[in-house]
Protein backbone atom coordinates (compact mmCIF):
# COMPACT_ATOMS: atom_id res chain seq x y z
CA MET A 1 6.65 19.38 22.85
CA ARG A 2 9.89 17.49 23.45
CA PRO A 3 12.77 17.89 21.02
CA LEU A 4 14.78 14.98 19.74
CA ASP A 5 18.10 14.42 21.43
CA LEU A 6 20.63 17.08 20.39
CA ARG A 7 22.67 14.81 18.11
CA SER A 8 19.64 13.58 16.14
CA LEU A 9 18.09 17.02 15.91
CA LEU A 10 21.28 18.66 14.66
CA CYS A 11 21.69 15.89 12.10
CA CYS A 12 18.15 16.39 10.83
CA LEU A 13 18.54 20.17 10.64
CA VAL A 14 21.85 19.94 8.77
CA LEU A 15 20.44 17.45 6.29
CA SER A 16 17.35 19.61 5.87
CA THR A 17 19.45 22.70 5.09
CA ILE A 18 21.53 20.79 2.54
CA VAL A 19 18.64 19.20 0.66
CA GLN A 20 16.57 22.39 0.57
CA SER A 21 19.32 24.42 -1.05
CA ALA A 22 18.14 23.16 -4.44
CA LEU A 23 15.15 21.34 -5.80
CA ALA A 24 15.66 18.06 -7.59
CA ALA A 25 15.60 18.30 -11.35
CA PRO A 26 12.07 18.03 -12.79
CA VAL A 27 11.09 14.51 -13.82
CA ILE A 28 8.84 13.91 -16.82
CA LEU A 29 6.48 11.14 -15.71
CA PRO A 30 5.17 8.44 -18.05
CA VAL A 31 1.48 8.76 -18.89
CA LEU A 32 -0.51 5.60 -19.61
CA PRO A 33 -3.78 5.31 -21.54
CA ALA A 34 -7.08 5.56 -19.68
CA GLU A 35 -8.56 2.34 -18.32
CA HIS A 36 -11.61 3.77 -16.55
CA GLN A 37 -15.13 2.44 -16.90
CA VAL A 38 -18.25 4.39 -15.96
CA GLU A 39 -21.65 2.97 -15.07
CA LYS A 40 -24.78 3.83 -13.11
CA ASP A 41 -25.69 1.99 -9.95
CA PRO A 42 -28.97 0.32 -10.98
CA GLU A 43 -30.51 0.74 -7.52
CA THR A 44 -29.45 4.26 -6.51
CA GLY A 45 -28.56 6.02 -9.76
CA ALA A 46 -25.15 7.05 -8.45
CA THR A 47 -22.43 7.35 -11.09
CA LEU A 48 -19.66 4.80 -10.49
CA THR A 49 -16.26 5.39 -12.08
CA TYR A 50 -13.81 2.51 -11.85
CA LEU A 51 -10.44 4.21 -12.25
CA SER A 52 -8.57 1.23 -13.64
CA ASP A 53 -9.04 -2.12 -15.35
CA ASN A 54 -5.92 -4.08 -14.50
CA PRO A 55 -5.47 -7.61 -13.10
CA GLY A 56 -3.28 -6.19 -10.33
CA ALA A 57 -4.79 -5.23 -6.98
CA ASP A 58 -5.65 -1.53 -6.86
CA SER A 59 -6.67 0.27 -3.67
CA ASN A 60 -7.44 3.82 -2.62
CA LEU A 61 -5.42 5.65 0.02
CA TYR A 62 -6.51 5.07 3.59
CA PHE A 63 -9.90 6.54 4.41
CA HIS A 64 -8.66 9.49 6.48
CA GLU A 65 -5.92 10.48 4.02
CA ARG A 66 -6.36 12.89 1.09
CA SER A 67 -6.76 10.99 -2.19
CA TRP A 68 -7.61 14.02 -4.36
CA THR A 69 -5.09 16.77 -5.07
CA ALA A 70 -6.37 20.11 -3.83
CA ASP A 71 -7.14 21.35 -7.33
CA GLY A 72 -8.97 18.14 -8.21
CA ALA A 73 -6.67 17.42 -11.15
CA ALA A 74 -5.55 13.99 -9.92
CA ILE A 75 -6.71 11.15 -7.69
CA LEU A 76 -4.01 9.11 -5.93
CA PHE A 77 -4.22 5.35 -5.40
CA ASN A 78 -1.95 2.32 -5.05
CA SER A 79 -1.51 -0.53 -7.53
CA SER A 80 0.26 -3.88 -7.37
CA ARG A 81 0.63 -3.92 -11.16
CA GLU A 82 4.06 -4.22 -12.71
CA LYS A 83 5.77 -0.81 -12.56
CA GLY A 84 2.95 0.39 -10.36
CA GLY A 85 3.02 1.53 -6.75
CA LEU A 86 1.55 4.99 -6.24
CA MET A 87 -0.57 5.96 -9.24
CA ALA A 88 -2.30 9.19 -10.23
CA TYR A 89 -5.57 9.20 -12.17
CA LEU A 90 -5.93 12.36 -14.26
CA THR A 91 -9.51 13.53 -13.80
CA ALA A 92 -9.57 15.52 -17.06
CA THR A 93 -8.66 12.59 -19.31
CA GLY A 94 -8.71 9.37 -17.26
CA GLU A 95 -5.05 8.67 -18.06
CA LEU A 96 -2.88 6.98 -15.45
CA VAL A 97 0.51 8.08 -14.17
CA PRO A 98 2.81 5.62 -12.30
CA VAL A 99 4.22 8.22 -9.89
CA GLY A 100 5.76 5.79 -7.40
CA HIS A 101 7.59 3.68 -9.96
CA ALA A 102 8.97 6.72 -11.78
CA LEU A 103 10.21 8.38 -8.60
CA GLY A 104 11.74 5.36 -6.91
CA GLY A 105 8.93 4.14 -4.66
CA LEU A 106 6.88 6.12 -2.17
CA SER A 107 5.09 5.26 1.06
CA GLY A 108 3.11 7.15 3.69
CA VAL A 109 1.49 9.27 0.98
CA THR A 110 -1.19 11.93 1.30
CA ALA A 111 -2.14 14.71 -1.11
CA SER A 112 -1.15 18.19 0.03
CA ALA A 113 -3.77 20.62 1.37
CA ALA A 114 -2.98 23.18 -1.33
CA GLY A 115 -1.82 23.09 -4.93
CA CYS A 116 -1.37 20.01 -7.08
CA GLY A 117 0.98 17.76 -5.18
CA LEU A 118 1.58 15.28 -2.41
CA TYR A 119 3.78 14.32 0.51
CA GLY A 120 5.48 10.94 0.74
CA ILE A 121 8.40 9.01 2.19
CA ARG A 122 11.20 7.39 0.18
CA GLY A 123 13.56 5.45 2.37
CA ARG A 124 13.87 7.85 5.31
CA ASP A 125 13.47 11.04 3.27
CA VAL A 126 10.24 13.03 3.60
CA LEU A 127 9.33 14.57 0.25
CA ARG A 128 7.05 17.27 -1.12
CA ILE A 129 6.23 16.44 -4.75
CA ALA A 130 4.57 19.04 -6.95
CA LEU A 131 2.78 17.80 -10.07
CA GLU A 132 2.53 20.01 -13.13
CA ILE A 133 -0.28 18.57 -15.24
CA SER A 134 -1.08 19.70 -18.78
CA PRO A 135 -4.11 17.70 -19.98
CA SER A 136 -4.21 16.65 -23.61
CA ASP A 137 -7.08 17.73 -25.84
CA ASP A 138 -6.92 14.33 -27.54
CA PRO A 139 -5.12 11.65 -25.46
CA SER A 140 -5.57 9.09 -28.24
CA ARG A 141 -3.17 11.12 -30.39
CA GLN A 142 -1.01 12.91 -27.84
CA PRO A 143 -0.76 11.92 -24.14
CA SER A 144 -1.08 14.52 -21.43
CA SER A 145 2.09 15.97 -19.92
CA VAL A 146 2.91 15.43 -16.24
CA VAL A 147 6.08 16.74 -14.61
CA ALA A 148 7.10 16.03 -11.02
CA ILE A 149 9.26 18.43 -9.01
CA GLU A 150 10.38 17.04 -5.69
CA ARG A 151 11.93 18.61 -2.62
CA VAL A 152 13.37 16.66 0.29
CA ILE A 153 11.92 18.28 3.40
CA THR A 154 13.92 16.30 5.95
CA THR A 155 15.33 12.87 6.83
CA LEU A 156 13.61 10.82 9.54
CA PRO A 157 15.41 8.98 12.32
CA ASP A 158 15.77 5.25 11.70
CA ALA A 159 12.58 3.41 12.73
CA GLU A 160 11.05 -0.01 12.17
CA LYS A 161 7.54 1.36 11.73
CA THR A 162 6.42 4.64 10.17
CA THR A 163 2.85 5.88 9.81
CA THR A 164 1.36 7.76 6.90
CA LEU A 165 2.09 11.48 6.79
CA SER A 166 -0.64 13.97 7.68
CA GLU A 167 -0.67 17.75 7.12
CA ASN A 168 -2.18 20.19 9.59
CA SER A 169 -4.97 22.61 8.70
CA ALA A 170 -2.58 25.57 8.47
CA GLY A 171 -0.32 23.82 5.97
CA THR A 172 2.72 24.39 8.18
CA LEU A 173 3.41 21.00 9.77
CA LEU A 174 3.38 17.33 8.94
CA SER A 175 2.92 14.61 11.53
CA VAL A 176 4.28 11.09 11.60
CA GLY A 177 4.39 8.24 14.10
CA LEU A 178 7.66 6.30 14.51
CA GLU A 179 8.44 3.11 16.40
CA GLY A 180 11.49 0.87 16.86
CA GLY A 181 15.06 1.45 15.68
CA GLU A 182 16.53 4.71 17.01
CA ILE A 183 13.13 5.61 18.49
CA GLY A 184 12.90 2.62 20.81
CA SER A 185 9.96 0.43 21.78
CA VAL A 186 7.65 3.24 22.93
CA PRO A 187 6.20 4.90 19.81
CA ALA A 188 6.88 8.60 19.27
CA ILE A 189 4.72 11.15 17.49
CA MET A 190 6.74 13.75 15.60
CA THR A 191 5.95 16.97 13.80
CA ILE A 192 7.92 18.18 10.78
CA ASP A 193 8.13 21.84 9.85
CA ILE A 194 7.33 21.84 6.12
CA GLN A 195 9.54 24.85 5.37
CA SER A 196 12.58 24.26 7.58
CA GLY A 197 12.44 20.47 7.92
CA ALA A 198 12.88 20.69 11.69
CA ILE A 199 11.66 17.57 13.50
CA THR A 200 10.14 17.86 16.98
CA GLU A 201 8.96 15.06 19.23
CA VAL A 202 5.46 15.84 20.48
CA CYS A 203 4.94 12.90 22.84
CA ARG A 204 5.40 9.21 23.45
CA ALA A 205 2.33 7.06 22.79
CA ALA A 206 2.77 4.67 25.70
CA ASN A 207 -0.70 3.15 25.20
CA ALA A 208 -0.50 2.77 21.41
CA ALA A 209 -2.69 0.12 19.79
CA VAL A 210 -1.65 -3.52 20.14
CA SER A 211 -0.23 -3.58 16.61
CA GLY A 212 1.76 -0.39 17.19
CA ILE A 213 1.41 3.30 16.43
CA GLN A 214 -1.50 3.95 14.03
CA HIS A 215 -3.91 6.58 12.69
CA VAL A 216 -1.83 9.66 13.53
CA GLN A 217 -3.84 12.53 12.04
CA TRP A 218 -4.58 16.23 12.48
CA SER A 219 -7.79 18.00 13.33
CA HIS A 220 -9.29 19.49 10.15
CA THR A 221 -9.76 22.86 11.87
CA ASP A 222 -7.23 23.27 14.70
CA PRO A 223 -3.58 23.26 13.49
CA ASN A 224 -2.29 22.28 16.95
CA ILE A 225 -4.40 19.20 17.67
CA LEU A 226 -3.43 15.62 16.75
CA SER A 227 -5.04 12.25 17.42
CA TYR A 228 -3.79 8.67 17.37
CA ALA A 229 -5.20 5.21 18.06
CA GLY A 230 -4.59 4.04 21.58
CA HIS A 231 -5.28 0.68 23.17
CA LYS A 232 -8.10 0.97 25.69
CA PRO A 233 -8.92 3.83 25.51
CA ARG A 234 -8.74 4.11 21.73
CA LEU A 235 -9.43 7.80 21.07
CA MET A 236 -6.31 9.72 22.10
CA VAL A 237 -5.78 13.44 21.44
CA VAL A 238 -2.73 15.63 22.06
CA ASP A 239 -2.20 19.38 21.79
CA ILE A 240 1.28 19.75 20.30
CA ARG A 241 1.89 22.86 22.44
CA GLU A 242 1.51 20.78 25.60
CA GLY A 243 2.58 17.27 24.55
CA HIS A 244 0.31 15.39 26.95
CA PRO A 245 -1.92 12.72 25.35
CA ARG A 246 -5.40 12.48 26.82
CA ALA A 247 -8.25 10.05 26.35
CA VAL A 248 -11.33 11.84 25.02
CA TYR A 249 -13.81 8.95 25.19
CA PRO A 250 -13.91 6.72 28.31
CA GLU A 251 -14.86 3.45 26.64
CA TRP A 252 -15.99 0.32 28.47
CA VAL A 253 -13.60 -2.64 28.67
CA GLU A 254 -15.51 -4.73 26.10
CA GLU A 255 -16.73 -1.80 23.99
CA LEU A 256 -15.81 -1.60 20.31
CA VAL A 257 -14.24 1.75 19.36
CA THR A 258 -12.49 1.85 16.01
CA HIS A 259 -11.47 3.73 12.84
CA GLU A 260 -11.68 7.37 13.81
CA SER A 261 -11.43 10.37 11.49
CA TRP A 262 -11.74 14.12 11.99
CA TRP A 263 -14.72 16.13 10.76
CA VAL A 264 -15.87 19.75 10.95
CA GLN A 265 -15.86 21.86 14.13
CA ASP A 266 -13.38 19.64 16.00
CA GLN A 267 -15.62 16.59 15.88
CA ILE A 268 -14.30 13.04 15.61
CA ILE A 269 -16.22 10.39 13.69
CA PHE A 270 -15.71 6.81 14.85
CA CYS A 271 -17.41 3.42 14.66
CA GLY A 272 -18.33 1.16 17.53
CA GLY A 273 -20.86 -0.46 19.82
CA THR A 274 -21.29 -2.40 23.03
CA HIS A 275 -22.24 -5.92 21.94
CA PRO A 276 -19.20 -8.26 22.19
CA GLU A 277 -17.61 -10.16 19.31
CA PRO A 278 -18.16 -12.07 17.09
CA THR A 279 -21.60 -10.60 16.31
CA VAL A 280 -20.69 -7.01 17.11
CA ASN A 281 -22.94 -4.02 16.66
CA SER A 282 -21.21 -0.94 15.33
CA HIS A 283 -22.77 2.50 14.98
CA VAL A 284 -21.31 5.53 13.27
CA LYS A 285 -20.75 7.94 16.17
CA LEU A 286 -19.74 11.57 16.47
CA LEU A 287 -17.71 12.98 19.38
CA ASP A 288 -17.76 16.75 19.96
CA LEU A 289 -14.41 17.58 21.57
CA LYS A 290 -15.70 20.92 22.90
CA THR A 291 -18.53 19.37 24.94
CA GLY A 292 -17.59 15.69 25.19
CA THR A 293 -21.03 14.81 23.79
CA VAL A 294 -21.32 11.67 21.68
CA ARG A 295 -24.27 11.04 19.36
CA ILE A 296 -25.14 8.26 16.95
CA VAL A 297 -25.19 9.38 13.33
CA GLY A 298 -25.71 5.98 11.70
CA GLY A 299 -27.28 3.26 13.80
CA GLY A 300 -25.98 -0.29 13.75
CA SER A 301 -28.09 -3.30 14.64
CA TRP A 302 -27.95 -6.62 16.49
CA TRP A 303 -30.45 -9.43 17.05
CA ALA A 304 -30.37 -12.77 18.79
CA GLY A 305 -29.58 -15.66 16.45
CA GLY A 306 -28.12 -13.48 13.70
CA SER A 307 -24.96 -14.82 12.08
CA PRO A 308 -21.84 -12.61 11.89
CA SER A 309 -22.41 -12.24 8.14
CA GLU A 310 -26.06 -11.23 8.52
CA ILE A 311 -25.38 -8.76 11.30
CA ALA A 312 -22.39 -7.25 9.48
CA ARG A 313 -24.80 -6.04 6.77
CA TYR A 314 -26.28 -3.58 9.27
CA ASN A 315 -23.15 -2.33 11.02
CA TRP A 316 -20.34 0.03 10.05
CA TRP A 317 -16.55 -0.17 10.09
CA HIS A 318 -14.99 2.94 8.49
CA ALA A 319 -16.51 6.42 8.28
CA ASP A 320 -15.46 9.81 6.92
CA GLY A 321 -17.11 13.21 6.54
CA SER A 322 -17.25 15.86 3.84
CA ASP A 323 -15.42 19.10 4.59
CA ASP A 324 -18.59 21.15 4.04
CA GLY A 325 -20.37 19.30 6.86
CA ARG A 326 -23.15 18.01 4.62
CA TRP A 327 -22.37 14.31 4.59
CA ILE A 328 -20.87 11.42 6.52
CA VAL A 329 -20.13 8.21 4.60
CA ALA A 330 -19.58 4.72 6.03
CA ASP A 331 -18.84 1.22 4.76
CA ASN A 332 -19.57 -2.28 6.04
CA TRP A 333 -18.03 -5.72 5.54
CA HIS A 334 -20.30 -6.41 2.57
CA GLY A 335 -19.06 -3.35 0.70
CA ASP A 336 -22.22 -1.28 1.14
CA ILE A 337 -21.50 2.45 0.99
CA MET A 338 -24.00 4.47 3.04
CA LEU A 339 -24.38 8.24 3.23
CA PHE A 340 -25.80 10.00 6.29
CA GLU A 341 -27.01 13.60 6.12
CA GLY A 342 -24.88 15.75 8.40
CA LYS A 343 -27.80 17.70 9.87
CA THR A 344 -30.57 15.11 10.01
CA THR A 345 -28.55 11.82 10.01
CA ARG A 346 -31.01 10.41 7.44
CA PRO A 347 -29.41 7.45 5.59
CA ARG A 348 -29.08 7.10 1.82
CA LEU A 349 -27.51 3.99 0.28
CA LEU A 350 -25.04 5.30 -2.30
CA THR A 351 -24.03 1.91 -3.74
CA GLY A 352 -23.86 -1.65 -2.44
CA ASN A 353 -22.32 -5.11 -2.55
CA HIS A 354 -18.74 -4.12 -3.38
CA ARG A 355 -17.25 -6.86 -1.19
CA THR A 356 -17.98 -10.48 -0.32
CA TYR A 357 -18.17 -10.93 3.43
CA GLY A 358 -14.97 -12.48 4.76
CA LYS A 359 -12.96 -11.90 1.59
CA GLY A 360 -10.79 -9.12 0.22
CA ALA A 361 -9.78 -5.66 1.35
CA HIS A 362 -12.25 -3.39 3.07
CA PRO A 363 -13.64 -0.45 1.06
CA HIS A 364 -11.95 2.15 3.34
CA VAL A 365 -14.34 4.79 2.06
CA GLY A 366 -13.23 8.45 2.02
CA PHE A 367 -14.41 11.82 0.70
CA ASP A 368 -13.15 14.15 -2.00
CA ARG A 369 -12.39 17.82 -1.24
CA ALA A 370 -15.71 19.17 -2.55
CA GLY A 371 -18.08 16.77 -0.80
CA ARG A 372 -19.45 15.43 -4.08
CA SER A 373 -17.76 12.04 -4.46
CA VAL A 374 -16.47 9.20 -2.32
CA ILE A 375 -13.66 6.78 -3.09
CA PHE A 376 -13.31 3.16 -2.05
CA THR A 377 -11.92 -0.24 -3.06
CA SER A 378 -14.46 -2.41 -4.87
CA HIS A 379 -14.42 -6.17 -5.50
CA LYS A 380 -17.63 -6.08 -7.51
CA ARG A 381 -15.90 -6.95 -10.79
CA GLY A 382 -13.95 -9.85 -9.28
CA ASN A 383 -10.74 -7.87 -8.75
CA PRO A 384 -9.72 -5.12 -6.30
CA ASP A 385 -10.45 -1.89 -8.19
CA VAL A 386 -10.61 1.73 -7.09
CA CYS A 387 -14.09 3.14 -7.53
CA VAL A 388 -15.38 6.71 -7.23
CA ALA A 389 -19.12 7.10 -6.56
CA THR A 390 -20.56 10.53 -7.33
CA ILE A 391 -23.47 11.67 -5.16
CA PRO A 392 -26.56 12.33 -7.32
CA GLU A 393 -27.23 16.04 -7.84
CA THR A 394 -30.81 15.67 -6.63
CA TRP A 395 -29.49 14.42 -3.26
CA GLN A 396 -27.17 17.42 -3.04
CA ARG A 397 -30.09 19.80 -3.58
CA GLU A 398 -32.18 17.97 -1.00
CA ASN A 399 -29.37 18.22 1.58
CA PRO A 400 -28.14 21.85 1.54
CA SER A 401 -25.25 23.00 3.71
């Protein structure tokens, strides 16, 4: 690992020491009435819970970030509504909490690996925000109580682009990608010590994706391994103890490799195929870092004469896996949400048609902590809404860990 230059590092350490000497005063957050609507998918029987019913655009956190707090008490999402921003859905009551608006705006958010809280960035400050939630027995008479207690972990160097925060599996470090400003034109990947606030430069991502540094995330099992999205090759991994990025999948020049996420046993899920655009084929694939073996978990499809819209129905774009290893979930450009059994790879359509091809945000489907529900953005009701689909209990019994 390479440290920041001495001046920047000393500045960050001094600021970290100052801000950690006392926590910010607790903030009582406003709690809004529930808006959720629950229905059954008529084809699959999955329970669909739409978290909000607002004309603003609502979207879940990115598919490889943590949307659920570790205790399951809240689900985080973003809303364009007035006085919105980062919102928390209280799972006990369905009430909504405008966390971002109340705390001055937050970006780069992910729920913390333990406790009821999250990490986020406000300006250049990296924050740990604990949520103390006391659910109401009768929200129609008395709203639930939610208190936020924030701590500034550190202050980032000035940068033009900052990635979402990610927390390692040991709960000791955060990672972030920075580009531009004080960092310069070659993106840097940094780690942040959660306790001390010390910032360390891990490496420079010289081959970062065309649109800049993206998808910086930790292995779910090894606290020293990070990945980021490179540009040909895409799948880049770095051990923070060594600081040397390496390509872990030697893709072909015209091969599609996209939207990676970590799964169990140091495996990386990604989507891709070898048929060129515009009628691409895209499988859900699984790379075992220990052996270098790649296997197809969810097969895509291509046929001569098929239109991009027709072919997109049978190919996958984002994929994530449950932490118990039982499931992988993927979405396509039509908003179909498909489960694949972790052991057998057998497919099960969880719910479908949550997007019109060529219009609107992608579902960006991701898993909860328990491997029982997936979250995604749905356009099925004519507006971007956050939807949680619960896997039927019979499917869980038929697919044991």
